[in-house]
Amino acid sequence: MINLISDTVTKPTSGMLDSMFKADVGDDVFQQDPSVNSLQEKLAELFGMEDALYFPSGTMANQAAIKLHTQQGEQMICDKWAHVYNFEGGGAAFNSGVSCRLLDGNRGMFTANQLVEVINDKDNIHLPISSLVAIENTTNKGGGACWDFKEILKIKEVCSKNKLSFHLDGARLFNALVAQDESPKQYGEVFDTISICLSKGLGAPVGSVLLGTKEHIKKALRIRKLFGGAMRQAGYLAAAGIYALDNNIKRLVEDHKHATMIATALQKCRFVVEVEPVETNIIIFYLNSTISETAFIEKLKDDDILISSMGEGKLRMVTHLNISIDMIENVVRVLELI
């Protein structure tokens, strides 16, 4: 089975499993797990940020960031396609009591000028206080698109001028770093907090890390406990994250090449009307009216290829480390015959 539903379906390699079994562990609730501590220190140093905290999931890390940057009744500004708004169960409202001001960006990315236009006047009691700006890089619903770092810097200027916190949902940030030839420290210098997912393209089975100042992480530690995210001998999982950072970043280039190969085949498929630009490991495409999404998905499933629908006519394929070049070539052959 060729599973292109998501890069979250990866399974640990033999090397990663070996690292997990050999992990030195302790009780992370007491901050005494050596492997968790090493992972946190490794990522904080990599991004040039003061501290880091390991979480069970990217959603929890993002939600903790929202909560530590806002107060109930305030407002978070993000793109209309942002993961923190669309795919985290309404957590911003439920966990933090904040509303969301959605910007109509391009493939999940908005501009500094758009941001300026929606910041509320703090003296207007009829409006929620704008307190947090959140962006996502790469953009999931935007097809793995990478932000222009120059625009990020402009947005940072707006945030600083208006005393807004700036959070990065970096679930697939390493895909962007590899594709754009950027460095982690570039991002560490700009954002107040960054969430890094280890269980997508990097191939770890579980976990995300939130980066920030020591004060941010001190608050996040309490929020993680409140959310039920404190784990005990989590070092077995953290060891997988360390292995992923040491071994699986450079190879993301392969996933990007594989995605481009599939996109090229889709452009020639008679049922496909549009394929969005492919920058990293996500391919989003649209069908013409002669075939339904369900029929197309089932046709591929009959050929042992799994893909997903994102709604709004968007079909998605995602390449990852468990997809070999032979599998990609097989997908291309199937698409040529449809």
C-alpha atoms as a PDB file:
ATOM      1  CA  MET A   1       0.000   0.000   0.000  1.00  0.00           C
ATOM      2  CA  ILE A   2       1.322   3.430  -0.999  1.00  0.00           C
ATOM      3  CA  ASN A   3       0.052   5.754   1.703  1.00  0.00           C
ATOM      4  CA  LEU A   4       0.080   9.388   0.547  1.00  0.00           C
ATOM      5  CA  ILE A   5      -2.629  10.546   2.972  1.00  0.00           C
ATOM      6  CA  SER A   6      -0.127  12.455   5.113  1.00  0.00           C
ATOM      7  CA  ASP A   7       3.478  12.543   6.274  1.00  0.00           C
ATOM      8  CA  THR A   8       2.133  11.662   9.736  1.00  0.00           C
ATOM      9  CA  VAL A   9       1.781   7.995   8.684  1.00  0.00           C
ATOM     10  CA  THR A  10       5.530   7.317   8.830  1.00  0.00           C
ATOM     11  CA  LYS A  11       6.857   4.473  10.944  1.00  0.00           C
ATOM     12  CA  PRO A  12      10.200   4.512  12.777  1.00  0.00           C
ATOM     13  CA  THR A  13      13.177   3.152  10.879  1.00  0.00           C
ATOM     14  CA  SER A  14      15.342   0.430  12.403  1.00  0.00           C
ATOM     15  CA  GLY A  15      17.914   3.032  13.421  1.00  0.00           C
ATOM     16  CA  MET A  16      15.296   5.152  15.127  1.00  0.00           C
ATOM     17  CA  LEU A  17      13.834   2.136  16.934  1.00  0.00           C
ATOM     18  CA  ASP A  18      17.298   1.176  18.148  1.00  0.00           C
ATOM     19  CA  SER A  19      17.770   4.686  19.567  1.00  0.00           C
ATOM     20  CA  MET A  20      14.415   4.483  21.305  1.00  0.00           C
ATOM     21  CA  PHE A  21      15.163   1.133  22.940  1.00  0.00           C
ATOM     22  CA  LYS A  22      18.520   2.397  24.200  1.00  0.00           C
ATOM     23  CA  ALA A  23      17.169   5.711  25.518  1.00  0.00           C
ATOM     24  CA  ASP A  24      18.170   6.881  28.987  1.00  0.00           C
ATOM     25  CA  VAL A  25      14.908   7.830  30.701  1.00  0.00           C
ATOM     26  CA  GLY A  26      13.547   9.317  33.910  1.00  0.00           C
ATOM     27  CA  ASP A  27      10.394  11.097  35.080  1.00  0.00           C
ATOM     28  CA  ASP A  28       9.775  14.064  32.845  1.00  0.00           C
ATOM     29  CA  VAL A  29       7.045  15.487  35.109  1.00  0.00           C
ATOM     30  CA  PHE A  30       9.910  16.206  37.520  1.00  0.00           C
ATOM     31  CA  GLN A  31      12.041  17.300  34.525  1.00  0.00           C
ATOM     32  CA  GLN A  32      14.348  14.359  35.228  1.00  0.00           C
ATOM     33  CA  ASP A  33      14.221  12.531  31.905  1.00  0.00           C
ATOM     34  CA  PRO A  34      17.708  12.862  30.332  1.00  0.00           C
ATOM     35  CA  SER A  35      16.508  12.166  26.783  1.00  0.00           C
ATOM     36  CA  VAL A  36      13.678  14.697  26.947  1.00  0.00           C
ATOM     37  CA  ASN A  37      16.029  17.273  28.406  1.00  0.00           C
ATOM     38  CA  SER A  38      18.557  16.584  25.645  1.00  0.00           C
ATOM     39  CA  LEU A  39      15.917  16.982  22.937  1.00  0.00           C
ATOM     40  CA  GLN A  40      14.720  20.264  24.393  1.00  0.00           C
ATOM     41  CA  GLU A  41      18.262  21.607  24.730  1.00  0.00           C
ATOM     42  CA  LYS A  42      19.144  20.458  21.214  1.00  0.00           C
ATOM     43  CA  LEU A  43      16.256  22.308  19.579  1.00  0.00           C
ATOM     44  CA  ALA A  44      16.656  25.441  21.702  1.00  0.00           C
ATOM     45  CA  GLU A  45      20.315  25.620  20.703  1.00  0.00           C
ATOM     46  CA  LEU A  46      19.535  24.876  17.056  1.00  0.00           C
ATOM     47  CA  PHE A  47      17.119  27.825  16.853  1.00  0.00           C
ATOM     48  CA  GLY A  48      19.118  30.083  19.152  1.00  0.00           C
ATOM     49  CA  MET A  49      16.203  30.365  21.573  1.00  0.00           C
ATOM     50  CA  GLU A  50      16.358  30.292  25.353  1.00  0.00           C
ATOM     51  CA  ASP A  51      14.317  27.212  26.191  1.00  0.00           C
ATOM     52  CA  ALA A  52      12.054  24.455  24.888  1.00  0.00           C
ATOM     53  CA  LEU A  53       9.361  22.072  26.086  1.00  0.00           C
ATOM     54  CA  TYR A  54       8.350  18.652  24.732  1.00  0.00           C
ATOM     55  CA  PHE A  55       4.651  18.058  24.000  1.00  0.00           C
ATOM     56  CA  PRO A  56       2.663  14.962  22.946  1.00  0.00           C
ATOM     57  CA  SER A  57       1.345  16.734  19.831  1.00  0.00           C
ATOM     58  CA  GLY A  58       1.699  19.790  17.638  1.00  0.00           C
ATOM     59  CA  THR A  59      -1.868  20.796  18.393  1.00  0.00           C
ATOM     60  CA  MET A  60      -1.151  20.880  22.112  1.00  0.00           C
ATOM     61  CA  ALA A  61       2.054  22.856  21.572  1.00  0.00           C
ATOM     62  CA  ASN A  62       0.206  25.414  19.435  1.00  0.00           C
ATOM     63  CA  GLN A  63      -2.659  25.649  21.903  1.00  0.00           C
ATOM     64  CA  ALA A  64      -0.248  26.173  24.781  1.00  0.00           C
ATOM     65  CA  ALA A  65       1.398  28.997  22.835  1.00  0.00           C
ATOM     66  CA  ILE A  66      -1.970  30.654  22.197  1.00  0.00           C
ATOM     67  CA  LYS A  67      -2.855  30.428  25.870  1.00  0.00           C
ATOM     68  CA  LEU A  68       0.406  31.868  27.141  1.00  0.00           C
ATOM     69  CA  HIS A  69       0.241  34.827  24.719  1.00  0.00           C
ATOM     70  CA  THR A  70      -3.417  35.792  25.254  1.00  0.00           C
ATOM     71  CA  GLN A  71      -6.109  36.490  27.812  1.00  0.00           C
ATOM     72  CA  GLN A  72      -9.767  35.498  27.557  1.00  0.00           C
ATOM     73  CA  GLY A  73     -11.742  37.794  25.286  1.00  0.00           C
ATOM     74  CA  GLU A  74      -8.726  38.813  23.216  1.00  0.00           C
ATOM     75  CA  GLN A  75      -8.083  38.112  19.550  1.00  0.00           C
ATOM     76  CA  MET A  76      -5.656  36.011  17.537  1.00  0.00           C
ATOM     77  CA  ILE A  77      -4.954  37.041  13.931  1.00  0.00           C
ATOM     78  CA  CYS A  78      -4.187  34.290  11.429  1.00  0.00           C
ATOM     79  CA  ASP A  79      -4.856  33.222   7.854  1.00  0.00           C
ATOM     80  CA  LYS A  80      -8.226  31.713   6.989  1.00  0.00           C
ATOM     81  CA  TRP A  81      -6.464  28.429   6.146  1.00  0.00           C
ATOM     82  CA  ALA A  82      -4.329  28.304   9.301  1.00  0.00           C
ATOM     83  CA  HIS A  83      -4.046  24.970  11.084  1.00  0.00           C
ATOM     84  CA  VAL A  84      -4.605  26.641  14.465  1.00  0.00           C
ATOM     85  CA  TYR A  85      -8.037  27.747  13.225  1.00  0.00           C
ATOM     86  CA  ASN A  86      -9.162  24.902  10.936  1.00  0.00           C
ATOM     87  CA  PHE A  87      -7.728  21.701  12.363  1.00  0.00           C
ATOM     88  CA  GLU A  88      -7.342  22.069  16.123  1.00  0.00           C
ATOM     89  CA  GLY A  89     -10.941  21.458  17.169  1.00  0.00           C
ATOM     90  CA  GLY A  90     -11.779  25.060  17.991  1.00  0.00           C
ATOM     91  CA  GLY A  91      -9.125  24.942  20.686  1.00  0.00           C
ATOM     92  CA  ALA A  92      -8.367  28.666  20.589  1.00  0.00           C
ATOM     93  CA  ALA A  93     -11.930  29.387  21.716  1.00  0.00           C
ATOM     94  CA  PHE A  94     -12.267  26.401  24.067  1.00  0.00           C
ATOM     95  CA  ASN A  95      -8.848  26.500  25.753  1.00  0.00           C
ATOM     96  CA  SER A  96      -8.046  30.210  25.713  1.00  0.00           C
ATOM     97  CA  GLY A  97     -11.348  31.987  25.149  1.00  0.00           C
ATOM     98  CA  VAL A  98     -10.025  34.004  22.236  1.00  0.00           C
ATOM     99  CA  SER A  99     -11.645  34.880  18.932  1.00  0.00           C
ATOM    100  CA  CYS A 100      -9.905  34.633  15.571  1.00  0.00           C
ATOM    101  CA  ARG A 101      -9.569  37.387  12.980  1.00  0.00           C
ATOM    102  CA  LEU A 102      -9.061  35.602   9.680  1.00  0.00           C
ATOM    103  CA  LEU A 103      -7.072  37.113   6.840  1.00  0.00           C
ATOM    104  CA  ASP A 104      -7.715  36.234   3.200  1.00  0.00           C
ATOM    105  CA  GLY A 105      -4.171  35.392   2.222  1.00  0.00           C
ATOM    106  CA  ASN A 106      -2.624  33.566  -0.718  1.00  0.00           C
ATOM    107  CA  ARG A 107      -2.268  29.819  -0.113  1.00  0.00           C
ATOM    108  CA  GLY A 108      -2.312  30.365   3.645  1.00  0.00           C
ATOM    109  CA  MET A 109       0.060  33.345   3.633  1.00  0.00           C
ATOM    110  CA  PHE A 110      -0.911  36.977   4.226  1.00  0.00           C
ATOM    111  CA  THR A 111       1.063  40.217   4.024  1.00  0.00           C
ATOM    112  CA  ALA A 112       2.162  42.796   6.554  1.00  0.00           C
ATOM    113  CA  ASN A 113      -0.150  45.305   4.874  1.00  0.00           C
ATOM    114  CA  GLN A 114      -3.123  42.995   5.380  1.00  0.00           C
ATOM    115  CA  LEU A 115      -2.175  42.611   9.035  1.00  0.00           C
ATOM    116  CA  VAL A 116      -1.997  46.360   9.636  1.00  0.00           C
ATOM    117  CA  GLU A 117      -5.561  46.770   8.367  1.00  0.00           C
ATOM    118  CA  VAL A 118      -7.139  44.428  10.929  1.00  0.00           C
ATOM    119  CA  ILE A 119      -5.387  45.281  14.199  1.00  0.00           C
ATOM    120  CA  ASN A 120      -8.029  46.567  16.595  1.00  0.00           C
ATOM    121  CA  ASP A 121      -7.774  49.843  18.478  1.00  0.00           C
ATOM    122  CA  LYS A 122      -7.053  48.844  22.088  1.00  0.00           C
ATOM    123  CA  ASP A 123      -9.028  51.863  23.308  1.00  0.00           C
ATOM    124  CA  ASN A 124     -12.202  50.767  21.507  1.00  0.00           C
ATOM    125  CA  ILE A 125     -14.138  48.828  24.146  1.00  0.00           C
ATOM    126  CA  HIS A 126     -16.461  47.357  21.504  1.00  0.00           C
ATOM    127  CA  LEU A 127     -13.661  45.349  19.907  1.00  0.00           C
ATOM    128  CA  PRO A 128     -11.525  42.493  21.233  1.00  0.00           C
ATOM    129  CA  ILE A 129      -7.900  43.364  21.914  1.00  0.00           C
ATOM    130  CA  SER A 130      -5.625  42.048  19.176  1.00  0.00           C
ATOM    131  CA  SER A 131      -2.817  40.311  21.053  1.00  0.00           C
ATOM    132  CA  LEU A 132      -1.372  37.492  18.938  1.00  0.00           C
ATOM    133  CA  VAL A 133      -0.391  36.882  15.319  1.00  0.00           C
ATOM    134  CA  ALA A 134       0.107  33.256  14.245  1.00  0.00           C
ATOM    135  CA  ILE A 135       1.491  31.989  10.945  1.00  0.00           C
ATOM    136  CA  GLU A 136       2.131  28.487   9.607  1.00  0.00           C
ATOM    137  CA  ASN A 137       5.227  27.478   7.611  1.00  0.00           C
ATOM    138  CA  THR A 138       4.901  25.482   5.437  1.00  0.00           C
ATOM    139  CA  THR A 139       1.184  25.955   4.922  1.00  0.00           C
ATOM    140  CA  ASN A 140      -0.726  22.685   5.085  1.00  0.00           C
ATOM    141  CA  LYS A 141      -3.926  23.719   3.341  1.00  0.00           C
ATOM    142  CA  GLY A 142      -1.856  25.944   1.058  1.00  0.00           C
ATOM    143  CA  GLY A 143      -0.109  22.912  -0.397  1.00  0.00           C
ATOM    144  CA  GLY A 144       3.209  23.035   1.434  1.00  0.00           C
ATOM    145  CA  ALA A 145       3.870  26.619   0.377  1.00  0.00           C
ATOM    146  CA  CYS A 146       6.843  28.430   1.948  1.00  0.00           C
ATOM    147  CA  TRP A 147       6.618  31.948   3.330  1.00  0.00           C
ATOM    148  CA  ASP A 148       8.867  34.655   1.929  1.00  0.00           C
ATOM    149  CA  PHE A 149      11.156  35.391   4.864  1.00  0.00           C
ATOM    150  CA  LYS A 150      11.290  39.065   3.900  1.00  0.00           C
ATOM    151  CA  GLU A 151       7.513  39.255   4.416  1.00  0.00           C
ATOM    152  CA  ILE A 152       7.880  37.527   7.784  1.00  0.00           C
ATOM    153  CA  LEU A 153      10.315  40.257   8.820  1.00  0.00           C
ATOM    154  CA  LYS A 154       7.808  42.914   7.747  1.00  0.00           C
ATOM    155  CA  ILE A 155       5.098  41.212   9.799  1.00  0.00           C
ATOM    156  CA  LYS A 156       7.472  41.123  12.764  1.00  0.00           C
ATOM    157  CA  GLU A 157       7.919  44.891  12.465  1.00  0.00           C
ATOM    158  CA  VAL A 158       4.145  45.343  12.602  1.00  0.00           C
ATOM    159  CA  CYS A 159       3.915  43.042  15.629  1.00  0.00           C
ATOM    160  CA  SER A 160       6.671  44.902  17.480  1.00  0.00           C
ATOM    161  CA  LYS A 161       5.155  48.294  16.724  1.00  0.00           C
ATOM    162  CA  ASN A 162       1.719  47.180  17.963  1.00  0.00           C
ATOM    163  CA  LYS A 163       2.931  45.030  20.879  1.00  0.00           C
ATOM    164  CA  LEU A 164       1.563  41.815  19.387  1.00  0.00           C
ATOM    165  CA  SER A 165       3.062  38.428  20.189  1.00  0.00           C
ATOM    166  CA  PHE A 166       4.248  36.430  17.162  1.00  0.00           C
ATOM    167  CA  HIS A 167       3.883  32.618  17.050  1.00  0.00           C
ATOM    168  CA  LEU A 168       5.027  30.223  14.330  1.00  0.00           C
ATOM    169  CA  ASP A 169       3.266  26.924  13.780  1.00  0.00           C
ATOM    170  CA  GLY A 170       6.334  25.212  12.373  1.00  0.00           C
ATOM    171  CA  ALA A 171       4.795  21.777  11.908  1.00  0.00           C
ATOM    172  CA  ARG A 172       6.696  21.421   8.615  1.00  0.00           C
ATOM    173  CA  LEU A 173       9.246  24.175   9.141  1.00  0.00           C
ATOM    174  CA  PHE A 174      12.202  21.960   8.270  1.00  0.00           C
ATOM    175  CA  ASN A 175      10.660  21.355   4.843  1.00  0.00           C
ATOM    176  CA  ALA A 176      10.678  25.121   4.338  1.00  0.00           C
ATOM    177  CA  LEU A 177      14.247  25.479   5.652  1.00  0.00           C
ATOM    178  CA  VAL A 178      15.509  22.838   3.237  1.00  0.00           C
ATOM    179  CA  ALA A 179      13.521  24.163   0.269  1.00  0.00           C
ATOM    180  CA  GLN A 180      14.462  27.811   0.857  1.00  0.00           C
ATOM    181  CA  ASP A 181      18.030  27.208   2.079  1.00  0.00           C
ATOM    182  CA  GLU A 182      17.283  29.021   5.328  1.00  0.00           C
ATOM    183  CA  SER A 183      18.610  28.481   8.851  1.00  0.00           C
ATOM    184  CA  PRO A 184      16.732  27.738  12.088  1.00  0.00           C
ATOM    185  CA  LYS A 185      18.392  30.701  13.802  1.00  0.00           C
ATOM    186  CA  GLN A 186      16.799  33.082  11.285  1.00  0.00           C
ATOM    187  CA  TYR A 187      13.453  32.046  12.671  1.00  0.00           C
ATOM    188  CA  GLY A 188      14.566  31.939  16.282  1.00  0.00           C
ATOM    189  CA  GLU A 189      15.509  35.610  16.062  1.00  0.00           C
ATOM    190  CA  VAL A 190      12.045  36.645  14.830  1.00  0.00           C
ATOM    191  CA  PHE A 191       9.372  34.682  16.682  1.00  0.00           C
ATOM    192  CA  ASP A 192       8.319  34.791  20.312  1.00  0.00           C
ATOM    193  CA  THR A 193       7.423  31.105  20.182  1.00  0.00           C
ATOM    194  CA  ILE A 194       7.813  28.326  17.603  1.00  0.00           C
ATOM    195  CA  SER A 195       6.257  24.864  17.596  1.00  0.00           C
ATOM    196  CA  ILE A 196       8.234  22.124  15.846  1.00  0.00           C
ATOM    197  CA  CYS A 197       6.564  18.828  14.912  1.00  0.00           C
ATOM    198  CA  LEU A 198       8.786  15.756  14.951  1.00  0.00           C
ATOM    199  CA  SER A 199       6.187  13.262  13.721  1.00  0.00           C
ATOM    200  CA  LYS A 200       5.662  14.521  10.162  1.00  0.00           C
ATOM    201  CA  GLY A 201       8.466  14.695   7.595  1.00  0.00           C
ATOM    202  CA  LEU A 202      11.112  14.081  10.234  1.00  0.00           C
ATOM    203  CA  GLY A 203       9.625  10.651  10.838  1.00  0.00           C
ATOM    204  CA  ALA A 204       9.365  10.376  14.634  1.00  0.00           C
ATOM    205  CA  PRO A 205       6.281   8.504  15.895  1.00  0.00           C
ATOM    206  CA  VAL A 206       5.137  11.085  18.459  1.00  0.00           C
ATOM    207  CA  GLY A 207       5.827  14.580  19.682  1.00  0.00           C
ATOM    208  CA  SER A 208       6.336  18.289  19.131  1.00  0.00           C
ATOM    209  CA  VAL A 209       8.485  20.890  20.866  1.00  0.00           C
ATOM    210  CA  LEU A 210       7.584  24.459  21.784  1.00  0.00           C
ATOM    211  CA  LEU A 211      10.437  26.981  21.731  1.00  0.00           C
ATOM    212  CA  GLY A 212      10.508  30.361  23.460  1.00  0.00           C
ATOM    213  CA  THR A 213      12.028  32.386  26.259  1.00  0.00           C
ATOM    214  CA  LYS A 214      12.623  30.849  29.663  1.00  0.00           C
ATOM    215  CA  GLU A 215       9.600  32.773  30.951  1.00  0.00           C
ATOM    216  CA  HIS A 216       7.422  31.459  28.111  1.00  0.00           C
ATOM    217  CA  ILE A 217       8.481  27.872  28.764  1.00  0.00           C
ATOM    218  CA  LYS A 218       7.960  28.237  32.506  1.00  0.00           C
ATOM    219  CA  LYS A 219       4.362  29.236  31.792  1.00  0.00           C
ATOM    220  CA  ALA A 220       4.014  26.560  29.114  1.00  0.00           C
ATOM    221  CA  LEU A 221       5.072  23.894  31.628  1.00  0.00           C
ATOM    222  CA  ARG A 222       2.050  24.746  33.768  1.00  0.00           C
ATOM    223  CA  ILE A 223      -0.235  24.921  30.718  1.00  0.00           C
ATOM    224  CA  ARG A 224       0.981  21.510  29.527  1.00  0.00           C
ATOM    225  CA  LYS A 225       0.099  20.080  32.929  1.00  0.00           C
ATOM    226  CA  LEU A 226      -3.319  21.753  32.761  1.00  0.00           C
ATOM    227  CA  PHE A 227      -3.928  20.268  29.300  1.00  0.00           C
ATOM    228  CA  GLY A 228      -2.968  16.788  30.498  1.00  0.00           C
ATOM    229  CA  GLY A 229       0.208  16.667  28.439  1.00  0.00           C
ATOM    230  CA  ALA A 230       2.740  15.885  31.151  1.00  0.00           C
ATOM    231  CA  MET A 231       4.265  12.434  30.538  1.00  0.00           C
ATOM    232  CA  ARG A 232       6.554  10.246  32.629  1.00  0.00           C
ATOM    233  CA  GLN A 233       9.292   8.213  30.884  1.00  0.00           C
ATOM    234  CA  ALA A 234       8.822  10.179  27.668  1.00  0.00           C
ATOM    235  CA  GLY A 235      12.501   9.785  26.815  1.00  0.00           C
ATOM    236  CA  TYR A 236      11.737   6.736  24.692  1.00  0.00           C
ATOM    237  CA  LEU A 237       9.770   9.062  22.414  1.00  0.00           C
ATOM    238  CA  ALA A 238      12.179  11.979  22.721  1.00  0.00           C
ATOM    239  CA  ALA A 239      15.022   9.710  21.586  1.00  0.00           C
ATOM    240  CA  ALA A 240      13.151   9.245  18.307  1.00  0.00           C
ATOM    241  CA  GLY A 241      13.019  13.024  17.958  1.00  0.00           C
ATOM    242  CA  ILE A 242      16.762  13.341  18.536  1.00  0.00           C
ATOM    243  CA  TYR A 243      17.415  10.658  15.929  1.00  0.00           C
ATOM    244  CA  ALA A 244      15.112  12.440  13.483  1.00  0.00           C
ATOM    245  CA  LEU A 245      16.950  15.745  13.903  1.00  0.00           C
ATOM    246  CA  ASP A 246      20.313  14.043  13.431  1.00  0.00           C
ATOM    247  CA  ASN A 247      19.378  11.901  10.419  1.00  0.00           C
ATOM    248  CA  ASN A 248      16.189  12.976   8.648  1.00  0.00           C
ATOM    249  CA  ILE A 249      16.480  16.675   7.809  1.00  0.00           C
ATOM    250  CA  LYS A 250      18.676  16.651   4.692  1.00  0.00           C
ATOM    251  CA  ARG A 251      16.726  13.766   3.185  1.00  0.00           C
ATOM    252  CA  LEU A 252      13.583  15.951   3.005  1.00  0.00           C
ATOM    253  CA  VAL A 253      14.916  17.015  -0.402  1.00  0.00           C
ATOM    254  CA  GLU A 254      13.978  13.532  -1.653  1.00  0.00           C
ATOM    255  CA  ASP A 255      10.366  14.009  -0.560  1.00  0.00           C
ATOM    256  CA  HIS A 256      10.238  17.318  -2.403  1.00  0.00           C
ATOM    257  CA  LYS A 257      11.560  15.730  -5.602  1.00  0.00           C
ATOM    258  CA  HIS A 258       9.039  12.911  -5.302  1.00  0.00           C
ATOM    259  CA  ALA A 259       6.209  15.410  -4.891  1.00  0.00           C
ATOM    260  CA  THR A 260       7.293  17.216  -8.053  1.00  0.00           C
ATOM    261  CA  MET A 261       7.261  13.937  -9.988  1.00  0.00           C
ATOM    262  CA  ILE A 262       3.685  13.234  -8.896  1.00  0.00           C
ATOM    263  CA  ALA A 263       2.589  16.794  -9.685  1.00  0.00           C
ATOM    264  CA  THR A 264       3.984  16.478 -13.218  1.00  0.00           C
ATOM    265  CA  ALA A 265       2.013  13.252 -13.738  1.00  0.00           C
ATOM    266  CA  LEU A 266      -1.161  14.819 -12.360  1.00  0.00           C
ATOM    267  CA  GLN A 267      -0.887  17.710 -14.802  1.00  0.00           C
ATOM    268  CA  LYS A 268      -1.143  15.178 -17.623  1.00  0.00           C
ATOM    269  CA  CYS A 269      -4.083  13.291 -16.083  1.00  0.00           C
ATOM    270  CA  ARG A 270      -7.299  13.839 -18.054  1.00  0.00           C
ATOM    271  CA  PHE A 271      -9.446  14.143 -14.906  1.00  0.00           C
ATOM    272  CA  VAL A 272      -7.284  16.838 -13.281  1.00  0.00           C
ATOM    273  CA  VAL A 273      -8.130  20.466 -13.985  1.00  0.00           C
ATOM    274  CA  GLU A 274      -5.513  22.156 -11.787  1.00  0.00           C
ATOM    275  CA  VAL A 275      -2.408  21.303  -9.750  1.00  0.00           C
ATOM    276  CA  GLU A 276      -1.206  23.918  -7.286  1.00  0.00           C
ATOM    277  CA  PRO A 277       2.499  24.860  -7.346  1.00  0.00           C
ATOM    278  CA  VAL A 278       4.626  22.303  -5.492  1.00  0.00           C
ATOM    279  CA  GLU A 279       7.397  23.688  -3.288  1.00  0.00           C
ATOM    280  CA  THR A 280       7.873  20.941  -0.710  1.00  0.00           C
ATOM    281  CA  ASN A 281       6.208  17.573  -0.033  1.00  0.00           C
ATOM    282  CA  ILE A 282       2.499  18.379  -0.429  1.00  0.00           C
ATOM    283  CA  ILE A 283       0.569  18.168  -3.701  1.00  0.00           C
ATOM    284  CA  ILE A 284      -2.902  19.711  -3.897  1.00  0.00           C
ATOM    285  CA  PHE A 285      -4.977  19.269  -7.042  1.00  0.00           C
ATOM    286  CA  TYR A 286      -8.534  19.650  -8.335  1.00  0.00           C
ATOM    287  CA  LEU A 287     -10.676  17.420 -10.557  1.00  0.00           C
ATOM    288  CA  ASN A 288     -12.851  18.395 -13.462  1.00  0.00           C
ATOM    289  CA  SER A 289     -16.613  17.800 -13.393  1.00  0.00           C
ATOM    290  CA  THR A 290     -16.477  14.477 -15.238  1.00  0.00           C
ATOM    291  CA  ILE A 291     -15.488  12.505 -12.142  1.00  0.00           C
ATOM    292  CA  SER A 292     -16.322  12.759  -8.449  1.00  0.00           C
ATOM    293  CA  GLU A 293     -13.734  13.000  -5.682  1.00  0.00           C
ATOM    294  CA  THR A 294     -15.028   9.765  -4.185  1.00  0.00           C
ATOM    295  CA  ALA A 295     -14.707   7.868  -7.475  1.00  0.00           C
ATOM    296  CA  PHE A 296     -11.175   9.162  -8.059  1.00  0.00           C
ATOM    297  CA  ILE A 297     -10.044   8.318  -4.529  1.00  0.00           C
ATOM    298  CA  GLU A 298     -11.570   4.835  -4.800  1.00  0.00           C
ATOM    299  CA  LYS A 299      -9.929   4.262  -8.190  1.00  0.00           C
ATOM    300  CA  LEU A 300      -6.523   5.000  -6.684  1.00  0.00           C
ATOM    301  CA  LYS A 301      -7.345   2.853  -3.654  1.00  0.00           C
ATOM    302  CA  ASP A 302      -8.036  -0.078  -6.008  1.00  0.00           C
ATOM    303  CA  ASP A 303      -4.453   0.366  -7.164  1.00  0.00           C
ATOM    304  CA  ASP A 304      -3.189   0.412  -3.546  1.00  0.00           C
ATOM    305  CA  ILE A 305      -2.688   4.203  -3.450  1.00  0.00           C
ATOM    306  CA  LEU A 306      -4.212   6.177  -0.579  1.00  0.00           C
ATOM    307  CA  ILE A 307      -4.839   9.931  -0.795  1.00  0.00           C
ATOM    308  CA  SER A 308      -7.060  12.375   1.106  1.00  0.00           C
ATOM    309  CA  SER A 309      -9.638  15.107   0.523  1.00  0.00           C
ATOM    310  CA  MET A 310      -9.285  18.452   2.296  1.00  0.00           C
ATOM    311  CA  GLY A 311     -12.727  19.768   1.305  1.00  0.00           C
ATOM    312  CA  GLU A 312     -13.437  22.717  -0.983  1.00  0.00           C
ATOM    313  CA  GLY A 313     -12.520  20.509  -3.948  1.00  0.00           C
ATOM    314  CA  LYS A 314      -8.944  20.035  -2.721  1.00  0.00           C
ATOM    315  CA  LEU A 315      -7.396  16.583  -3.049  1.00  0.00           C
ATOM    316  CA  ARG A 316      -4.046  16.032  -1.365  1.00  0.00           C
ATOM    317  CA  MET A 317      -1.042  13.758  -1.650  1.00  0.00           C
ATOM    318  CA  VAL A 318       1.906  13.983   0.752  1.00  0.00           C
ATOM    319  CA  THR A 319       5.299  12.355   0.249  1.00  0.00           C
ATOM    320  CA  HIS A 320       7.454  11.163   3.150  1.00  0.00           C
ATOM    321  CA  LEU A 321      10.346   8.921   4.153  1.00  0.00           C
ATOM    322  CA  ASN A 322       8.336   5.696   3.835  1.00  0.00           C
ATOM    323  CA  ILE A 323       7.649   6.416   0.154  1.00  0.00           C
ATOM    324  CA  SER A 324      10.399   5.071  -2.088  1.00  0.00           C
ATOM    325  CA  ILE A 325      11.250   6.067  -5.651  1.00  0.00           C
ATOM    326  CA  ASP A 326       9.770   2.740  -6.817  1.00  0.00           C
ATOM    327  CA  MET A 327       6.490   3.680  -5.166  1.00  0.00           C
ATOM    328  CA  ILE A 328       6.559   7.117  -6.812  1.00  0.00           C
ATOM    329  CA  GLU A 329       7.146   5.560 -10.213  1.00  0.00           C
ATOM    330  CA  ASN A 330       4.216   3.226  -9.612  1.00  0.00           C
ATOM    331  CA  VAL A 331       1.955   6.174  -8.720  1.00  0.00           C
ATOM    332  CA  VAL A 332       3.038   7.928 -11.921  1.00  0.00           C
ATOM    333  CA  ARG A 333       2.228   4.806 -13.988  1.00  0.00           C
ATOM    334  CA  VAL A 334      -1.238   4.517 -12.433  1.00  0.00           C
ATOM    335  CA  LEU A 335      -1.993   8.201 -13.081  1.00  0.00           C
ATOM    336  CA  GLU A 336      -0.921   7.816 -16.705  1.00  0.00           C
ATOM    337  CA  LEU A 337      -3.474   5.038 -17.154  1.00  0.00           C
ATOM    338  CA  ILE A 338      -6.441   6.747 -15.469  1.00  0.00           C
END
